[in-house]
Amino acid sequence: MKAVLFDMFGVIARLQSPASKAALHRVAGGDRDRFWEAYWTQRVPYDRGDVDGPGYWAAVFAQLGLPLDERLTADLIAADLTSWSEIDEEAVELLGTLADRGVTLGLLSNIPEELAVRYEATQPWLHRFAVRGLSCRIGSAKPEPAAYRWCIRELGLPAEEILFVDDRPDNVEAARELGLEGWVFTTVDALRDVLEAAPA
């Protein structure tokens, strides 16, 4: 193993908390189940960079059949960004340990442009990554094969020398199909044990 390719959300950054999800839904209003169905149905084009924040929320509210104006759009974007902004400091510490050991680090994240900009402005640990595969900028999102191929090419290593770490089994399986080693993330301690046991 010469490189570790990390997912961001659910590994280094935390998934949306119940409180942050409730705050976002309060801004949106309407039926909760229908809101989250529309939120995720429309998400991939946003993550892939096919639409921007206003375009994404316009699609969500069109699916819901609800009115949307510029003020509400801005409030939704702000609440959504906040909901994805909590960091796992223990995971960040592990990144530093790996970098100090000379392990090449890569990042492959499904992330919209507005959130990518926020992370770049507020999270200095991003410089640890030699390669940053942000879906909004590479034009493909996990589990699309093109997203993994982009990272493999940019890392400049054979796929079998790269360990891909993600909290979603479907994303890990897609990586394995392309020849990468794959690990389904559960905890930082479990990942640390795997990395320490892996051959250099």
N, C-alpha and C. Protein backbone atom coordinates (compact mmCIF):
# COMPACT_ATOMS: atom_id res chain seq x y z
N MET A 1 0.84 -1.19 0.00
CA MET A 1 0.00 0.00 0.00
C MET A 1 0.87 1.24 0.00
N LYS A 2 0.74 2.05 -1.06
CA LYS A 2 1.54 3.26 -1.16
C LYS A 2 0.70 4.53 -0.94
N ALA A 3 -0.61 4.39 -1.06
CA ALA A 3 -1.48 5.56 -0.91
C ALA A 3 -2.79 5.14 -0.27
N VAL A 4 -3.39 6.10 0.44
CA VAL A 4 -4.73 5.91 0.99
C VAL A 4 -5.62 6.99 0.39
N LEU A 5 -6.71 6.54 -0.22
CA LEU A 5 -7.68 7.44 -0.84
C LEU A 5 -8.90 7.50 0.07
N PHE A 6 -9.13 8.67 0.66
CA PHE A 6 -10.18 8.84 1.65
C PHE A 6 -11.45 9.43 1.07
N ASP A 7 -12.56 8.92 1.54
CA ASP A 7 -13.84 9.61 1.45
C ASP A 7 -13.82 10.75 2.48
N MET A 8 -14.64 11.76 2.30
CA MET A 8 -14.70 12.85 3.27
C MET A 8 -15.83 12.64 4.28
N PHE A 9 -17.08 12.67 3.82
CA PHE A 9 -18.22 12.69 4.73
C PHE A 9 -18.54 11.29 5.23
N GLY A 10 -18.56 11.16 6.55
CA GLY A 10 -18.72 9.86 7.17
C GLY A 10 -17.41 9.23 7.56
N VAL A 11 -16.29 9.89 7.18
CA VAL A 11 -14.95 9.41 7.53
C VAL A 11 -14.18 10.51 8.23
N ILE A 12 -13.89 11.60 7.52
CA ILE A 12 -13.15 12.72 8.10
C ILE A 12 -14.12 13.78 8.63
N ALA A 13 -15.11 14.09 7.84
CA ALA A 13 -16.18 14.99 8.28
C ALA A 13 -17.39 14.14 8.66
N ARG A 14 -18.16 14.64 9.60
CA ARG A 14 -19.30 13.87 10.08
C ARG A 14 -20.50 14.02 9.14
N LEU A 15 -21.33 12.99 9.14
CA LEU A 15 -22.59 13.07 8.41
C LEU A 15 -23.52 14.06 9.12
N GLN A 16 -24.55 14.46 8.43
CA GLN A 16 -25.52 15.39 9.02
C GLN A 16 -26.08 14.83 10.33
N SER A 17 -26.05 15.63 11.37
CA SER A 17 -26.60 15.22 12.66
C SER A 17 -28.12 15.37 12.64
N PRO A 18 -28.82 14.68 13.53
CA PRO A 18 -30.27 14.88 13.62
C PRO A 18 -30.64 16.35 13.83
N ALA A 19 -29.85 17.06 14.65
CA ALA A 19 -30.15 18.47 14.91
C ALA A 19 -29.98 19.32 13.66
N SER A 20 -28.90 19.08 12.91
CA SER A 20 -28.67 19.88 11.71
C SER A 20 -29.68 19.55 10.62
N LYS A 21 -30.10 18.30 10.53
CA LYS A 21 -31.13 17.92 9.57
C LYS A 21 -32.46 18.58 9.93
N ALA A 22 -32.77 18.61 11.23
CA ALA A 22 -34.02 19.25 11.66
C ALA A 22 -33.99 20.74 11.37
N ALA A 23 -32.81 21.37 11.56
CA ALA A 23 -32.69 22.80 11.28
C ALA A 23 -32.89 23.08 9.80
N LEU A 24 -32.33 22.24 8.94
CA LEU A 24 -32.50 22.41 7.50
C LEU A 24 -33.95 22.23 7.10
N HIS A 25 -34.61 21.23 7.66
CA HIS A 25 -36.01 21.01 7.31
C HIS A 25 -36.90 22.15 7.80
N ARG A 26 -36.56 22.74 8.93
CA ARG A 26 -37.34 23.89 9.41
C ARG A 26 -37.28 25.04 8.43
N VAL A 27 -36.13 25.24 7.83
CA VAL A 27 -36.00 26.30 6.82
C VAL A 27 -36.86 25.98 5.61
N ALA A 28 -36.83 24.71 5.18
CA ALA A 28 -37.56 24.31 3.98
C ALA A 28 -39.06 24.28 4.20
N GLY A 29 -39.49 23.75 5.36
CA GLY A 29 -40.91 23.59 5.62
C GLY A 29 -41.48 22.40 4.85
N GLY A 30 -42.78 22.20 4.98
CA GLY A 30 -43.46 21.13 4.26
C GLY A 30 -43.29 19.77 4.93
N ASP A 31 -43.72 18.74 4.22
CA ASP A 31 -43.68 17.38 4.74
C ASP A 31 -42.23 16.89 4.82
N ARG A 32 -41.84 16.34 5.97
CA ARG A 32 -40.45 15.96 6.18
C ARG A 32 -40.01 14.84 5.23
N ASP A 33 -40.81 13.78 5.12
CA ASP A 33 -40.40 12.65 4.29
C ASP A 33 -40.28 13.05 2.82
N ARG A 34 -41.23 13.85 2.35
CA ARG A 34 -41.16 14.29 0.95
C ARG A 34 -39.96 15.21 0.74
N PHE A 35 -39.65 16.01 1.74
CA PHE A 35 -38.48 16.89 1.62
C PHE A 35 -37.21 16.08 1.44
N TRP A 36 -36.99 15.10 2.30
CA TRP A 36 -35.74 14.34 2.21
C TRP A 36 -35.69 13.48 0.96
N GLU A 37 -36.83 13.01 0.49
CA GLU A 37 -36.83 12.27 -0.77
C GLU A 37 -36.37 13.17 -1.91
N ALA A 38 -36.89 14.38 -1.98
CA ALA A 38 -36.49 15.32 -3.03
C ALA A 38 -35.02 15.75 -2.85
N TYR A 39 -34.62 15.98 -1.62
CA TYR A 39 -33.25 16.38 -1.31
C TYR A 39 -32.25 15.40 -1.92
N TRP A 40 -32.48 14.10 -1.70
CA TRP A 40 -31.52 13.11 -2.19
C TRP A 40 -31.73 12.77 -3.67
N THR A 41 -32.96 12.82 -4.14
CA THR A 41 -33.21 12.54 -5.56
C THR A 41 -32.47 13.51 -6.45
N GLN A 42 -32.40 14.77 -6.04
CA GLN A 42 -31.79 15.82 -6.85
C GLN A 42 -30.30 16.05 -6.54
N ARG A 43 -29.74 15.28 -5.61
CA ARG A 43 -28.41 15.62 -5.09
C ARG A 43 -27.26 15.32 -6.05
N VAL A 44 -27.31 14.24 -6.80
CA VAL A 44 -26.15 13.85 -7.61
C VAL A 44 -25.76 14.93 -8.62
N PRO A 45 -26.68 15.53 -9.36
CA PRO A 45 -26.25 16.60 -10.28
C PRO A 45 -25.58 17.77 -9.56
N TYR A 46 -26.01 18.05 -8.34
CA TYR A 46 -25.39 19.11 -7.54
C TYR A 46 -23.98 18.72 -7.14
N ASP A 47 -23.83 17.51 -6.62
CA ASP A 47 -22.50 17.03 -6.24
C ASP A 47 -21.56 16.98 -7.44
N ARG A 48 -22.09 16.61 -8.60
CA ARG A 48 -21.27 16.46 -9.79
C ARG A 48 -20.90 17.80 -10.42
N GLY A 49 -21.53 18.87 -9.97
CA GLY A 49 -21.24 20.18 -10.53
C GLY A 49 -22.07 20.52 -11.75
N ASP A 50 -23.10 19.72 -12.02
CA ASP A 50 -23.96 20.01 -13.17
C ASP A 50 -24.85 21.22 -12.91
N VAL A 51 -25.17 21.47 -11.64
CA VAL A 51 -25.96 22.63 -11.25
C VAL A 51 -25.31 23.28 -10.04
N ASP A 52 -25.60 24.55 -9.81
CA ASP A 52 -25.10 25.23 -8.62
C ASP A 52 -26.15 25.16 -7.51
N GLY A 53 -25.86 25.82 -6.38
CA GLY A 53 -26.79 25.77 -5.26
C GLY A 53 -28.19 26.23 -5.59
N PRO A 54 -28.36 27.42 -6.20
CA PRO A 54 -29.71 27.84 -6.56
C PRO A 54 -30.40 26.87 -7.51
N GLY A 55 -29.64 26.31 -8.45
CA GLY A 55 -30.24 25.35 -9.37
C GLY A 55 -30.68 24.07 -8.68
N TYR A 56 -29.87 23.64 -7.73
CA TYR A 56 -30.22 22.44 -6.96
C TYR A 56 -31.51 22.66 -6.18
N TRP A 57 -31.59 23.75 -5.44
CA TRP A 57 -32.77 23.98 -4.62
C TRP A 57 -34.01 24.26 -5.47
N ALA A 58 -33.81 24.84 -6.65
CA ALA A 58 -34.94 25.01 -7.56
C ALA A 58 -35.50 23.65 -7.97
N ALA A 59 -34.60 22.68 -8.22
CA ALA A 59 -35.04 21.34 -8.61
C ALA A 59 -35.74 20.64 -7.45
N VAL A 60 -35.19 20.79 -6.24
CA VAL A 60 -35.82 20.19 -5.06
C VAL A 60 -37.23 20.73 -4.87
N PHE A 61 -37.37 22.05 -4.93
CA PHE A 61 -38.68 22.64 -4.68
C PHE A 61 -39.64 22.42 -5.83
N ALA A 62 -39.12 22.26 -7.04
CA ALA A 62 -39.99 21.90 -8.16
C ALA A 62 -40.57 20.50 -7.93
N GLN A 63 -39.73 19.57 -7.45
CA GLN A 63 -40.22 18.22 -7.15
C GLN A 63 -41.26 18.26 -6.04
N LEU A 64 -41.07 19.15 -5.08
CA LEU A 64 -42.02 19.27 -3.97
C LEU A 64 -43.28 20.05 -4.34
N GLY A 65 -43.21 20.81 -5.44
CA GLY A 65 -44.33 21.64 -5.83
C GLY A 65 -44.53 22.83 -4.92
N LEU A 66 -43.42 23.36 -4.37
CA LEU A 66 -43.49 24.48 -3.44
C LEU A 66 -42.83 25.71 -4.04
N PRO A 67 -43.27 26.91 -3.64
CA PRO A 67 -42.66 28.14 -4.15
C PRO A 67 -41.28 28.37 -3.53
N LEU A 68 -40.42 29.06 -4.28
CA LEU A 68 -39.06 29.33 -3.82
C LEU A 68 -38.65 30.70 -4.30
N ASP A 69 -38.08 31.52 -3.39
CA ASP A 69 -37.58 32.82 -3.80
C ASP A 69 -36.09 32.92 -3.43
N GLU A 70 -35.47 34.06 -3.76
CA GLU A 70 -34.03 34.20 -3.55
C GLU A 70 -33.66 34.14 -2.07
N ARG A 71 -34.46 34.75 -1.22
CA ARG A 71 -34.16 34.74 0.22
C ARG A 71 -34.19 33.33 0.78
N LEU A 72 -35.22 32.58 0.44
CA LEU A 72 -35.32 31.20 0.92
C LEU A 72 -34.18 30.35 0.35
N THR A 73 -33.84 30.57 -0.91
CA THR A 73 -32.73 29.84 -1.52
C THR A 73 -31.44 30.07 -0.75
N ALA A 74 -31.16 31.32 -0.41
CA ALA A 74 -29.94 31.64 0.33
C ALA A 74 -29.96 30.99 1.71
N ASP A 75 -31.12 30.99 2.36
CA ASP A 75 -31.23 30.38 3.69
C ASP A 75 -31.03 28.86 3.61
N LEU A 76 -31.56 28.25 2.57
CA LEU A 76 -31.41 26.80 2.40
C LEU A 76 -29.95 26.43 2.15
N ILE A 77 -29.28 27.19 1.29
CA ILE A 77 -27.87 26.92 1.02
C ILE A 77 -27.06 27.04 2.31
N ALA A 78 -27.31 28.08 3.10
CA ALA A 78 -26.56 28.29 4.33
C ALA A 78 -26.80 27.15 5.32
N ALA A 79 -28.05 26.74 5.49
CA ALA A 79 -28.36 25.66 6.43
C ALA A 79 -27.79 24.33 5.95
N ASP A 80 -27.80 24.11 4.65
CA ASP A 80 -27.25 22.87 4.10
C ASP A 80 -25.74 22.81 4.32
N LEU A 81 -25.03 23.91 4.06
CA LEU A 81 -23.59 23.93 4.26
C LEU A 81 -23.25 23.69 5.73
N THR A 82 -23.99 24.30 6.62
CA THR A 82 -23.75 24.11 8.06
C THR A 82 -23.94 22.65 8.45
N SER A 83 -24.90 21.99 7.84
CA SER A 83 -25.21 20.60 8.22
C SER A 83 -24.10 19.63 7.84
N TRP A 84 -23.22 20.04 6.93
CA TRP A 84 -22.13 19.16 6.48
C TRP A 84 -20.76 19.64 6.96
N SER A 85 -20.70 20.47 7.98
CA SER A 85 -19.45 21.15 8.33
C SER A 85 -18.80 20.69 9.62
N GLU A 86 -19.31 19.63 10.25
CA GLU A 86 -18.71 19.16 11.49
C GLU A 86 -17.58 18.17 11.18
N ILE A 87 -16.42 18.38 11.79
CA ILE A 87 -15.22 17.60 11.50
C ILE A 87 -14.94 16.62 12.63
N ASP A 88 -14.41 15.43 12.29
CA ASP A 88 -13.94 14.47 13.27
C ASP A 88 -12.45 14.73 13.49
N GLU A 89 -12.12 15.38 14.59
CA GLU A 89 -10.73 15.78 14.83
C GLU A 89 -9.81 14.57 14.98
N GLU A 90 -10.33 13.45 15.45
CA GLU A 90 -9.50 12.25 15.56
C GLU A 90 -9.08 11.75 14.18
N ALA A 91 -9.99 11.84 13.22
CA ALA A 91 -9.66 11.45 11.85
C ALA A 91 -8.63 12.40 11.25
N VAL A 92 -8.77 13.69 11.53
CA VAL A 92 -7.79 14.67 11.04
C VAL A 92 -6.42 14.38 11.62
N GLU A 93 -6.37 13.99 12.88
CA GLU A 93 -5.10 13.64 13.51
C GLU A 93 -4.46 12.43 12.82
N LEU A 94 -5.29 11.47 12.43
CA LEU A 94 -4.77 10.30 11.72
C LEU A 94 -4.18 10.70 10.37
N LEU A 95 -4.81 11.64 9.69
CA LEU A 95 -4.24 12.13 8.43
C LEU A 95 -2.83 12.66 8.64
N GLY A 96 -2.65 13.43 9.69
CA GLY A 96 -1.34 13.97 9.98
C GLY A 96 -0.32 12.89 10.26
N THR A 97 -0.72 11.87 10.99
CA THR A 97 0.18 10.75 11.29
C THR A 97 0.61 10.04 10.02
N LEU A 98 -0.35 9.77 9.14
CA LEU A 98 -0.03 9.10 7.88
C LEU A 98 0.88 9.94 7.01
N ALA A 99 0.58 11.24 6.91
CA ALA A 99 1.41 12.13 6.09
C ALA A 99 2.83 12.19 6.63
N ASP A 100 2.97 12.23 7.93
CA ASP A 100 4.30 12.28 8.53
C ASP A 100 5.08 11.00 8.30
N ARG A 101 4.37 9.89 8.09
CA ARG A 101 5.02 8.62 7.78
C ARG A 101 5.36 8.48 6.31
N GLY A 102 4.98 9.46 5.51
CA GLY A 102 5.30 9.42 4.09
C GLY A 102 4.26 8.72 3.22
N VAL A 103 3.08 8.43 3.78
CA VAL A 103 2.02 7.82 2.99
C VAL A 103 1.39 8.88 2.11
N THR A 104 1.21 8.59 0.84
CA THR A 104 0.53 9.51 -0.06
C THR A 104 -0.96 9.48 0.22
N LEU A 105 -1.55 10.66 0.37
CA LEU A 105 -2.96 10.76 0.70
C LEU A 105 -3.75 11.35 -0.46
N GLY A 106 -4.90 10.75 -0.72
CA GLY A 106 -5.83 11.28 -1.71
C GLY A 106 -7.21 11.42 -1.11
N LEU A 107 -8.01 12.27 -1.71
CA LEU A 107 -9.38 12.52 -1.26
C LEU A 107 -10.32 12.36 -2.44
N LEU A 108 -11.38 11.58 -2.24
CA LEU A 108 -12.42 11.45 -3.24
C LEU A 108 -13.75 11.70 -2.55
N SER A 109 -14.35 12.84 -2.82
CA SER A 109 -15.54 13.26 -2.08
C SER A 109 -16.64 13.71 -3.02
N ASN A 110 -17.85 13.24 -2.74
CA ASN A 110 -19.04 13.79 -3.40
C ASN A 110 -19.40 15.07 -2.66
N ILE A 111 -19.15 16.20 -3.31
CA ILE A 111 -19.28 17.49 -2.63
C ILE A 111 -19.64 18.57 -3.63
N PRO A 112 -20.63 19.41 -3.35
CA PRO A 112 -20.96 20.50 -4.27
C PRO A 112 -19.97 21.65 -4.14
N GLU A 113 -19.95 22.52 -5.12
CA GLU A 113 -18.96 23.59 -5.17
C GLU A 113 -19.01 24.51 -3.95
N GLU A 114 -20.21 24.90 -3.54
CA GLU A 114 -20.29 25.81 -2.40
C GLU A 114 -19.66 25.22 -1.14
N LEU A 115 -19.86 23.93 -0.94
CA LEU A 115 -19.30 23.28 0.24
C LEU A 115 -17.79 23.09 0.08
N ALA A 116 -17.33 22.80 -1.13
CA ALA A 116 -15.90 22.69 -1.38
C ALA A 116 -15.19 24.00 -1.06
N VAL A 117 -15.77 25.10 -1.48
CA VAL A 117 -15.18 26.41 -1.21
C VAL A 117 -15.11 26.66 0.29
N ARG A 118 -16.17 26.31 1.02
CA ARG A 118 -16.15 26.50 2.48
C ARG A 118 -15.03 25.68 3.12
N TYR A 119 -14.90 24.43 2.72
CA TYR A 119 -13.85 23.60 3.31
C TYR A 119 -12.46 24.14 2.99
N GLU A 120 -12.26 24.58 1.77
CA GLU A 120 -10.94 25.12 1.40
C GLU A 120 -10.61 26.38 2.20
N ALA A 121 -11.62 27.13 2.58
CA ALA A 121 -11.40 28.37 3.33
C ALA A 121 -11.22 28.14 4.83
N THR A 122 -11.68 26.99 5.34
CA THR A 122 -11.71 26.81 6.79
C THR A 122 -10.94 25.60 7.30
N GLN A 123 -10.51 24.69 6.43
CA GLN A 123 -9.90 23.44 6.88
C GLN A 123 -8.48 23.30 6.34
N PRO A 124 -7.49 23.75 7.10
CA PRO A 124 -6.10 23.71 6.61
C PRO A 124 -5.56 22.31 6.39
N TRP A 125 -6.17 21.30 7.01
CA TRP A 125 -5.68 19.94 6.82
C TRP A 125 -5.88 19.42 5.40
N LEU A 126 -6.67 20.11 4.60
CA LEU A 126 -6.83 19.67 3.20
C LEU A 126 -5.51 19.66 2.45
N HIS A 127 -4.53 20.45 2.89
CA HIS A 127 -3.25 20.46 2.18
C HIS A 127 -2.49 19.15 2.34
N ARG A 128 -2.93 18.29 3.27
CA ARG A 128 -2.31 16.98 3.44
C ARG A 128 -2.52 16.09 2.21
N PHE A 129 -3.54 16.38 1.45
CA PHE A 129 -3.89 15.51 0.32
C PHE A 129 -3.13 15.91 -0.94
N ALA A 130 -2.37 14.96 -1.47
CA ALA A 130 -1.65 15.20 -2.72
C ALA A 130 -2.61 15.31 -3.89
N VAL A 131 -3.73 14.61 -3.79
CA VAL A 131 -4.75 14.60 -4.84
C VAL A 131 -6.11 14.83 -4.19
N ARG A 132 -6.88 15.77 -4.75
CA ARG A 132 -8.22 16.04 -4.24
C ARG A 132 -9.22 15.86 -5.36
N GLY A 133 -9.92 14.74 -5.30
CA GLY A 133 -10.94 14.46 -6.30
C GLY A 133 -12.30 14.91 -5.78
N LEU A 134 -12.62 16.16 -6.02
CA LEU A 134 -13.90 16.72 -5.59
C LEU A 134 -14.89 16.56 -6.75
N SER A 135 -15.99 15.90 -6.48
CA SER A 135 -16.91 15.53 -7.56
C SER A 135 -17.36 16.72 -8.37
N CYS A 136 -17.56 17.87 -7.72
CA CYS A 136 -18.05 19.05 -8.42
C CYS A 136 -17.03 19.57 -9.43
N ARG A 137 -15.77 19.15 -9.30
CA ARG A 137 -14.72 19.66 -10.19
C ARG A 137 -14.17 18.61 -11.15
N ILE A 138 -14.42 17.35 -10.87
CA ILE A 138 -13.93 16.31 -11.79
C ILE A 138 -15.05 15.78 -12.68
N GLY A 139 -16.27 16.24 -12.45
CA GLY A 139 -17.39 15.91 -13.33
C GLY A 139 -17.95 14.51 -13.16
N SER A 140 -17.63 13.85 -12.06
CA SER A 140 -18.19 12.52 -11.79
C SER A 140 -18.24 12.32 -10.29
N ALA A 141 -19.16 11.48 -9.84
CA ALA A 141 -19.39 11.26 -8.42
C ALA A 141 -19.43 9.77 -8.13
N LYS A 142 -18.96 9.39 -6.96
CA LYS A 142 -19.06 7.99 -6.54
C LYS A 142 -20.52 7.54 -6.52
N PRO A 143 -20.81 6.34 -6.92
CA PRO A 143 -19.88 5.26 -7.29
C PRO A 143 -19.60 5.16 -8.79
N GLU A 144 -19.67 6.26 -9.52
CA GLU A 144 -19.36 6.22 -10.95
C GLU A 144 -17.89 5.86 -11.16
N PRO A 145 -17.58 4.90 -12.03
CA PRO A 145 -16.19 4.48 -12.22
C PRO A 145 -15.25 5.62 -12.58
N ALA A 146 -15.73 6.62 -13.31
CA ALA A 146 -14.86 7.72 -13.74
C ALA A 146 -14.27 8.47 -12.55
N ALA A 147 -14.98 8.54 -11.44
CA ALA A 147 -14.47 9.25 -10.27
C ALA A 147 -13.23 8.55 -9.72
N TYR A 148 -13.28 7.23 -9.63
CA TYR A 148 -12.14 6.47 -9.13
C TYR A 148 -10.99 6.50 -10.13
N ARG A 149 -11.31 6.38 -11.40
CA ARG A 149 -10.25 6.40 -12.42
C ARG A 149 -9.50 7.72 -12.41
N TRP A 150 -10.22 8.81 -12.18
CA TRP A 150 -9.56 10.11 -12.11
C TRP A 150 -8.53 10.13 -10.99
N CYS A 151 -8.90 9.60 -9.82
CA CYS A 151 -7.98 9.60 -8.68
C CYS A 151 -6.79 8.66 -8.91
N ILE A 152 -7.05 7.50 -9.48
CA ILE A 152 -5.96 6.56 -9.78
C ILE A 152 -4.95 7.22 -10.71
N ARG A 153 -5.46 7.87 -11.73
CA ARG A 153 -4.56 8.54 -12.69
C ARG A 153 -3.76 9.64 -12.01
N GLU A 154 -4.42 10.45 -11.22
CA GLU A 154 -3.72 11.57 -10.58
C GLU A 154 -2.74 11.11 -9.50
N LEU A 155 -3.04 10.02 -8.83
CA LEU A 155 -2.10 9.48 -7.85
C LEU A 155 -0.89 8.85 -8.51
N GLY A 156 -1.05 8.41 -9.75
CA GLY A 156 0.08 7.87 -10.51
C GLY A 156 0.56 6.53 -9.99
N LEU A 157 -0.34 5.73 -9.44
CA LEU A 157 0.01 4.43 -8.88
C LEU A 157 -0.91 3.35 -9.44
N PRO A 158 -0.45 2.10 -9.45
CA PRO A 158 -1.36 1.01 -9.80
C PRO A 158 -2.51 0.96 -8.80
N ALA A 159 -3.67 0.60 -9.28
CA ALA A 159 -4.85 0.59 -8.41
C ALA A 159 -4.65 -0.28 -7.18
N GLU A 160 -3.96 -1.40 -7.34
CA GLU A 160 -3.80 -2.33 -6.22
C GLU A 160 -2.88 -1.80 -5.11
N GLU A 161 -2.20 -0.69 -5.37
CA GLU A 161 -1.35 -0.08 -4.35
C GLU A 161 -2.05 1.06 -3.62
N ILE A 162 -3.34 1.22 -3.89
CA ILE A 162 -4.14 2.28 -3.27
C ILE A 162 -5.23 1.65 -2.41
N LEU A 163 -5.33 2.10 -1.17
CA LEU A 163 -6.42 1.68 -0.29
C LEU A 163 -7.49 2.76 -0.28
N PHE A 164 -8.70 2.38 -0.64
CA PHE A 164 -9.83 3.32 -0.64
C PHE A 164 -10.66 3.09 0.61
N VAL A 165 -10.96 4.18 1.32
CA VAL A 165 -11.68 4.13 2.59
C VAL A 165 -12.95 4.96 2.48
N ASP A 166 -14.11 4.33 2.71
CA ASP A 166 -15.40 5.01 2.60
C ASP A 166 -16.37 4.35 3.56
N ASP A 167 -17.33 5.12 4.06
CA ASP A 167 -18.30 4.55 4.98
C ASP A 167 -19.45 3.84 4.28
N ARG A 168 -19.55 3.98 2.96
CA ARG A 168 -20.64 3.36 2.20
C ARG A 168 -20.14 2.11 1.49
N PRO A 169 -20.72 0.94 1.80
CA PRO A 169 -20.27 -0.30 1.16
C PRO A 169 -20.37 -0.27 -0.37
N ASP A 170 -21.39 0.40 -0.91
CA ASP A 170 -21.52 0.43 -2.36
C ASP A 170 -20.38 1.19 -3.01
N ASN A 171 -19.91 2.24 -2.35
CA ASN A 171 -18.77 2.98 -2.89
C ASN A 171 -17.49 2.16 -2.82
N VAL A 172 -17.32 1.41 -1.74
CA VAL A 172 -16.15 0.56 -1.59
C VAL A 172 -16.17 -0.56 -2.62
N GLU A 173 -17.33 -1.15 -2.84
CA GLU A 173 -17.43 -2.22 -3.83
C GLU A 173 -17.11 -1.72 -5.23
N ALA A 174 -17.56 -0.51 -5.55
CA ALA A 174 -17.25 0.07 -6.86
C ALA A 174 -15.75 0.26 -7.02
N ALA A 175 -15.06 0.66 -5.95
CA ALA A 175 -13.61 0.82 -5.99
C ALA A 175 -12.92 -0.52 -6.20
N ARG A 176 -13.38 -1.54 -5.50
CA ARG A 176 -12.78 -2.87 -5.65
C ARG A 176 -12.93 -3.41 -7.06
N GLU A 177 -14.05 -3.10 -7.70
CA GLU A 177 -14.26 -3.56 -9.07
C GLU A 177 -13.23 -2.98 -10.04
N LEU A 178 -12.62 -1.87 -9.66
CA LEU A 178 -11.59 -1.24 -10.49
C LEU A 178 -10.19 -1.61 -10.03
N GLY A 179 -10.09 -2.51 -9.06
CA GLY A 179 -8.79 -3.01 -8.66
C GLY A 179 -8.19 -2.39 -7.42
N LEU A 180 -8.87 -1.39 -6.83
CA LEU A 180 -8.35 -0.80 -5.61
C LEU A 180 -8.61 -1.74 -4.43
N GLU A 181 -7.76 -1.64 -3.41
CA GLU A 181 -8.10 -2.24 -2.13
C GLU A 181 -9.20 -1.39 -1.51
N GLY A 182 -10.10 -2.01 -0.77
CA GLY A 182 -11.22 -1.26 -0.22
C GLY A 182 -11.47 -1.58 1.23
N TRP A 183 -11.85 -0.58 2.00
CA TRP A 183 -12.16 -0.77 3.42
C TRP A 183 -13.39 0.05 3.76
N VAL A 184 -14.40 -0.60 4.34
CA VAL A 184 -15.60 0.09 4.78
C VAL A 184 -15.33 0.68 6.16
N PHE A 185 -15.36 2.00 6.24
CA PHE A 185 -15.03 2.71 7.47
C PHE A 185 -16.12 2.54 8.51
N THR A 186 -15.68 2.28 9.75
CA THR A 186 -16.60 2.24 10.89
C THR A 186 -16.15 3.23 11.96
N THR A 187 -14.89 3.10 12.41
CA THR A 187 -14.33 4.01 13.41
C THR A 187 -12.89 4.34 13.06
N VAL A 188 -12.39 5.43 13.62
CA VAL A 188 -11.00 5.81 13.39
C VAL A 188 -10.07 4.75 13.98
N ASP A 189 -10.40 4.22 15.14
CA ASP A 189 -9.54 3.21 15.76
C ASP A 189 -9.43 1.96 14.88
N ALA A 190 -10.55 1.52 14.32
CA ALA A 190 -10.51 0.34 13.45
C ALA A 190 -9.68 0.61 12.20
N LEU A 191 -9.81 1.79 11.64
CA LEU A 191 -9.02 2.14 10.47
C LEU A 191 -7.54 2.21 10.82
N ARG A 192 -7.23 2.79 11.95
CA ARG A 192 -5.83 2.88 12.38
C ARG A 192 -5.21 1.48 12.48
N ASP A 193 -5.97 0.52 13.05
CA ASP A 193 -5.47 -0.83 13.17
C ASP A 193 -5.20 -1.45 11.80
N VAL A 194 -6.10 -1.21 10.85
CA VAL A 194 -5.93 -1.74 9.50
C VAL A 194 -4.69 -1.15 8.84
N LEU A 195 -4.52 0.13 8.99
CA LEU A 195 -3.37 0.81 8.37
C LEU A 195 -2.06 0.37 8.98
N GLU A 196 -2.05 0.16 10.27
CA GLU A 196 -0.81 -0.28 10.93
C GLU A 196 -0.45 -1.70 10.54
N ALA A 197 -1.46 -2.51 10.22
CA ALA A 197 -1.20 -3.89 9.83
C ALA A 197 -0.88 -4.05 8.36
N ALA A 198 -1.19 -3.02 7.56
CA ALA A 198 -0.98 -3.11 6.11
C ALA A 198 0.51 -3.09 5.78
N PRO A 199 0.95 -3.90 4.82
CA PRO A 199 2.35 -3.85 4.40
C PRO A 199 2.67 -2.54 3.73
N ALA A 200 3.88 -2.04 3.92
CA ALA A 200 4.30 -0.77 3.31
C ALA A 200 4.50 -0.95 1.82
